[in-house]
């Protein structure tokens, strides 16, 4: 038996003890994204990419809750945490042919973002799911 906590949780996950509700998984994901943004905030980097794979999150969720963990919600959490840390930042979902994974680029300064990103940001509207989510959280 090793003292590596990663190994221990891996063993537990294999035995099916680690499954959580969608709320717990999303809260964990939100904390992880918050930490990612805070680390980025103090780094000298001007941009970063956040890779989100839906299966990384759904595999931790109880079967009955799987449909509550969606790509839309995960993307929203990334945007939300970027904005919480610094509302001047630009978060941009890169085009992807996959439905179940996404890369979100975060730029500290609009001048760092490619022009097509700024164009799309300026014309983008919040999707209905996100508006509904915001209403629920208020």
C-alpha atoms as a PDB file:
ATOM      1  CA  UNK A   1       0.000   0.000   0.000  1.00  0.00           C
ATOM      2  CA  UNK A   2       1.525   3.301  -1.048  1.00  0.00           C
ATOM      3  CA  UNK A   3       1.155   6.715   0.557  1.00  0.00           C
ATOM      4  CA  UNK A   4       0.310   8.296  -2.790  1.00  0.00           C
ATOM      5  CA  UNK A   5      -3.204   9.751  -2.367  1.00  0.00           C
ATOM      6  CA  UNK A   6      -3.754   9.556  -6.129  1.00  0.00           C
ATOM      7  CA  UNK A   7      -3.242   5.809  -6.042  1.00  0.00           C
ATOM      8  CA  UNK A   8      -5.592   5.375  -3.104  1.00  0.00           C
ATOM      9  CA  UNK A   9      -8.405   7.298  -4.784  1.00  0.00           C
ATOM     10  CA  UNK A  10      -7.740   5.379  -7.989  1.00  0.00           C
ATOM     11  CA  UNK A  11      -8.200   2.097  -6.112  1.00  0.00           C
ATOM     12  CA  UNK A  12     -11.365   3.368  -4.468  1.00  0.00           C
ATOM     13  CA  UNK A  13     -12.726   4.536  -7.816  1.00  0.00           C
ATOM     14  CA  UNK A  14     -12.125   1.072  -9.229  1.00  0.00           C
ATOM     15  CA  UNK A  15     -14.234  -0.382  -6.432  1.00  0.00           C
ATOM     16  CA  UNK A  16     -16.980   2.108  -7.243  1.00  0.00           C
ATOM     17  CA  UNK A  17     -16.896   3.894  -3.874  1.00  0.00           C
ATOM     18  CA  UNK A  18     -15.916   7.279  -5.214  1.00  0.00           C
ATOM     19  CA  UNK A  19     -19.005   8.179  -7.221  1.00  0.00           C
ATOM     20  CA  UNK A  20     -20.559  11.491  -6.270  1.00  0.00           C
ATOM     21  CA  UNK A  21     -23.695  13.445  -7.007  1.00  0.00           C
ATOM     22  CA  UNK A  22     -23.620  15.843  -9.949  1.00  0.00           C
ATOM     23  CA  UNK A  23     -23.633  18.734  -7.469  1.00  0.00           C
ATOM     24  CA  UNK A  24     -20.466  17.468  -5.764  1.00  0.00           C
ATOM     25  CA  UNK A  25     -18.681  16.845  -9.043  1.00  0.00           C
ATOM     26  CA  UNK A  26     -19.599  20.292 -10.381  1.00  0.00           C
ATOM     27  CA  UNK A  27     -18.522  21.904  -7.095  1.00  0.00           C
ATOM     28  CA  UNK A  28     -15.176  20.077  -7.314  1.00  0.00           C
ATOM     29  CA  UNK A  29     -14.802  21.156 -10.939  1.00  0.00           C
ATOM     30  CA  UNK A  30     -15.621  24.751  -9.996  1.00  0.00           C
ATOM     31  CA  UNK A  31     -12.962  24.681  -7.228  1.00  0.00           C
ATOM     32  CA  UNK A  32     -10.441  23.196  -9.623  1.00  0.00           C
ATOM     33  CA  UNK A  33     -11.182  25.908 -12.217  1.00  0.00           C
ATOM     34  CA  UNK A  34     -11.002  28.623  -9.574  1.00  0.00           C
ATOM     35  CA  UNK A  35      -7.542  27.388  -8.565  1.00  0.00           C
ATOM     36  CA  UNK A  36      -6.503  27.211 -12.231  1.00  0.00           C
ATOM     37  CA  UNK A  37      -7.585  30.836 -12.746  1.00  0.00           C
ATOM     38  CA  UNK A  38      -5.881  32.037  -9.557  1.00  0.00           C
ATOM     39  CA  UNK A  39      -2.649  30.314 -10.620  1.00  0.00           C
ATOM     40  CA  UNK A  40      -2.966  31.893 -14.066  1.00  0.00           C
ATOM     41  CA  UNK A  41      -3.594  35.294 -12.484  1.00  0.00           C
ATOM     42  CA  UNK A  42      -0.187  35.313 -10.776  1.00  0.00           C
ATOM     43  CA  UNK A  43       1.680  33.693 -13.656  1.00  0.00           C
ATOM     44  CA  UNK A  44       3.524  35.848 -16.200  1.00  0.00           C
ATOM     45  CA  UNK A  45       1.644  34.089 -19.021  1.00  0.00           C
ATOM     46  CA  UNK A  46      -0.766  36.276 -20.989  1.00  0.00           C
ATOM     47  CA  UNK A  47      -2.950  33.431 -22.183  1.00  0.00           C
ATOM     48  CA  UNK A  48      -3.715  29.823 -21.368  1.00  0.00           C
ATOM     49  CA  UNK A  49      -5.881  27.014 -22.603  1.00  0.00           C
ATOM     50  CA  UNK A  50      -8.242  25.030 -20.414  1.00  0.00           C
ATOM     51  CA  UNK A  51      -9.063  21.581 -21.779  1.00  0.00           C
ATOM     52  CA  UNK A  52     -12.368  20.173 -20.590  1.00  0.00           C
ATOM     53  CA  UNK A  53     -13.378  16.604 -21.333  1.00  0.00           C
ATOM     54  CA  UNK A  54     -16.921  15.714 -20.382  1.00  0.00           C
ATOM     55  CA  UNK A  55     -16.037  12.076 -19.647  1.00  0.00           C
ATOM     56  CA  UNK A  56     -13.436  13.171 -17.065  1.00  0.00           C
ATOM     57  CA  UNK A  57     -16.314  14.597 -15.040  1.00  0.00           C
ATOM     58  CA  UNK A  58     -19.149  12.170 -15.835  1.00  0.00           C
ATOM     59  CA  UNK A  59     -17.042   9.156 -14.834  1.00  0.00           C
ATOM     60  CA  UNK A  60     -17.082  10.490 -11.252  1.00  0.00           C
ATOM     61  CA  UNK A  61     -20.861  10.884 -11.160  1.00  0.00           C
ATOM     62  CA  UNK A  62     -23.540   8.488  -9.971  1.00  0.00           C
ATOM     63  CA  UNK A  63     -25.351   6.886 -12.897  1.00  0.00           C
ATOM     64  CA  UNK A  64     -28.642   8.578 -11.975  1.00  0.00           C
ATOM     65  CA  UNK A  65     -26.996  12.025 -12.078  1.00  0.00           C
ATOM     66  CA  UNK A  66     -24.984  11.665 -15.295  1.00  0.00           C
ATOM     67  CA  UNK A  67     -27.378  13.713 -17.435  1.00  0.00           C
ATOM     68  CA  UNK A  68     -27.002  16.698 -15.081  1.00  0.00           C
ATOM     69  CA  UNK A  69     -23.295  17.083 -15.872  1.00  0.00           C
ATOM     70  CA  UNK A  70     -23.300  18.581 -19.371  1.00  0.00           C
ATOM     71  CA  UNK A  71     -20.716  20.285 -21.532  1.00  0.00           C
ATOM     72  CA  UNK A  72     -22.761  23.508 -21.349  1.00  0.00           C
ATOM     73  CA  UNK A  73     -22.545  23.567 -17.561  1.00  0.00           C
ATOM     74  CA  UNK A  74     -18.812  22.768 -17.534  1.00  0.00           C
ATOM     75  CA  UNK A  75     -18.101  25.507 -20.097  1.00  0.00           C
ATOM     76  CA  UNK A  76     -20.166  27.945 -18.084  1.00  0.00           C
ATOM     77  CA  UNK A  77     -18.164  27.154 -14.929  1.00  0.00           C
ATOM     78  CA  UNK A  78     -14.887  27.845 -16.753  1.00  0.00           C
ATOM     79  CA  UNK A  79     -16.194  31.202 -18.034  1.00  0.00           C
ATOM     80  CA  UNK A  80     -17.656  32.044 -14.636  1.00  0.00           C
ATOM     81  CA  UNK A  81     -14.418  31.329 -12.771  1.00  0.00           C
ATOM     82  CA  UNK A  82     -12.336  33.307 -15.270  1.00  0.00           C
ATOM     83  CA  UNK A  83     -14.686  36.251 -14.784  1.00  0.00           C
ATOM     84  CA  UNK A  84     -14.681  35.887 -10.989  1.00  0.00           C
ATOM     85  CA  UNK A  85     -10.902  36.183 -10.908  1.00  0.00           C
ATOM     86  CA  UNK A  86     -10.720  39.008 -13.445  1.00  0.00           C
ATOM     87  CA  UNK A  87     -13.654  40.313 -15.454  1.00  0.00           C
ATOM     88  CA  UNK A  88     -11.289  41.936 -17.956  1.00  0.00           C
ATOM     89  CA  UNK A  89     -10.154  38.525 -19.153  1.00  0.00           C
ATOM     90  CA  UNK A  90     -11.512  37.057 -22.335  1.00  0.00           C
ATOM     91  CA  UNK A  91     -12.595  33.429 -22.360  1.00  0.00           C
ATOM     92  CA  UNK A  92     -13.125  31.911 -25.776  1.00  0.00           C
ATOM     93  CA  UNK A  93     -14.234  28.417 -26.715  1.00  0.00           C
ATOM     94  CA  UNK A  94     -12.080  27.192 -29.559  1.00  0.00           C
ATOM     95  CA  UNK A  95     -13.842  25.484 -32.457  1.00  0.00           C
ATOM     96  CA  UNK A  96     -13.935  21.717 -32.016  1.00  0.00           C
ATOM     97  CA  UNK A  97     -15.476  18.854 -33.923  1.00  0.00           C
ATOM     98  CA  UNK A  98     -16.102  16.931 -30.704  1.00  0.00           C
ATOM     99  CA  UNK A  99     -19.250  17.364 -28.653  1.00  0.00           C
ATOM    100  CA  UNK A 100     -17.745  15.920 -25.485  1.00  0.00           C
ATOM    101  CA  UNK A 101     -14.549  17.932 -25.181  1.00  0.00           C
ATOM    102  CA  UNK A 102     -13.673  21.556 -25.477  1.00  0.00           C
ATOM    103  CA  UNK A 103     -10.717  23.887 -25.218  1.00  0.00           C
ATOM    104  CA  UNK A 104     -11.305  27.313 -23.767  1.00  0.00           C
ATOM    105  CA  UNK A 105      -8.623  29.908 -24.329  1.00  0.00           C
ATOM    106  CA  UNK A 106      -8.281  32.572 -21.665  1.00  0.00           C
ATOM    107  CA  UNK A 107      -6.619  35.886 -22.533  1.00  0.00           C
ATOM    108  CA  UNK A 108      -5.595  38.379 -19.861  1.00  0.00           C
ATOM    109  CA  UNK A 109      -5.652  41.272 -22.301  1.00  0.00           C
ATOM    110  CA  UNK A 110      -7.950  41.809 -25.305  1.00  0.00           C
ATOM    111  CA  UNK A 111      -4.842  42.852 -27.256  1.00  0.00           C
ATOM    112  CA  UNK A 112      -3.527  39.301 -26.809  1.00  0.00           C
ATOM    113  CA  UNK A 113      -6.616  37.697 -28.305  1.00  0.00           C
ATOM    114  CA  UNK A 114      -6.829  36.949 -32.031  1.00  0.00           C
ATOM    115  CA  UNK A 115      -9.203  39.314 -33.919  1.00  0.00           C
ATOM    116  CA  UNK A 116     -11.713  36.550 -34.730  1.00  0.00           C
ATOM    117  CA  UNK A 117     -12.023  35.882 -31.003  1.00  0.00           C
ATOM    118  CA  UNK A 118     -12.902  39.500 -30.281  1.00  0.00           C
ATOM    119  CA  UNK A 119     -15.389  39.547 -33.140  1.00  0.00           C
ATOM    120  CA  UNK A 120     -17.148  36.465 -31.863  1.00  0.00           C
ATOM    121  CA  UNK A 121     -17.131  37.673 -28.253  1.00  0.00           C
ATOM    122  CA  UNK A 122     -18.719  40.951 -29.261  1.00  0.00           C
ATOM    123  CA  UNK A 123     -21.509  39.215 -31.147  1.00  0.00           C
ATOM    124  CA  UNK A 124     -22.056  36.343 -28.716  1.00  0.00           C
ATOM    125  CA  UNK A 125     -25.186  35.977 -26.641  1.00  0.00           C
ATOM    126  CA  UNK A 126     -25.475  33.795 -23.563  1.00  0.00           C
ATOM    127  CA  UNK A 127     -27.125  30.460 -24.372  1.00  0.00           C
ATOM    128  CA  UNK A 128     -30.533  29.822 -22.785  1.00  0.00           C
ATOM    129  CA  UNK A 129     -29.175  27.031 -20.549  1.00  0.00           C
ATOM    130  CA  UNK A 130     -26.711  29.461 -19.005  1.00  0.00           C
ATOM    131  CA  UNK A 131     -29.389  32.096 -18.405  1.00  0.00           C
ATOM    132  CA  UNK A 132     -31.530  29.440 -16.732  1.00  0.00           C
ATOM    133  CA  UNK A 133     -28.545  28.332 -14.656  1.00  0.00           C
ATOM    134  CA  UNK A 134     -27.905  31.935 -13.539  1.00  0.00           C
ATOM    135  CA  UNK A 135     -31.534  32.371 -12.580  1.00  0.00           C
ATOM    136  CA  UNK A 136     -31.386  29.181 -10.491  1.00  0.00           C
ATOM    137  CA  UNK A 137     -28.253  30.346  -8.687  1.00  0.00           C
ATOM    138  CA  UNK A 138     -29.651  33.744  -7.701  1.00  0.00           C
END
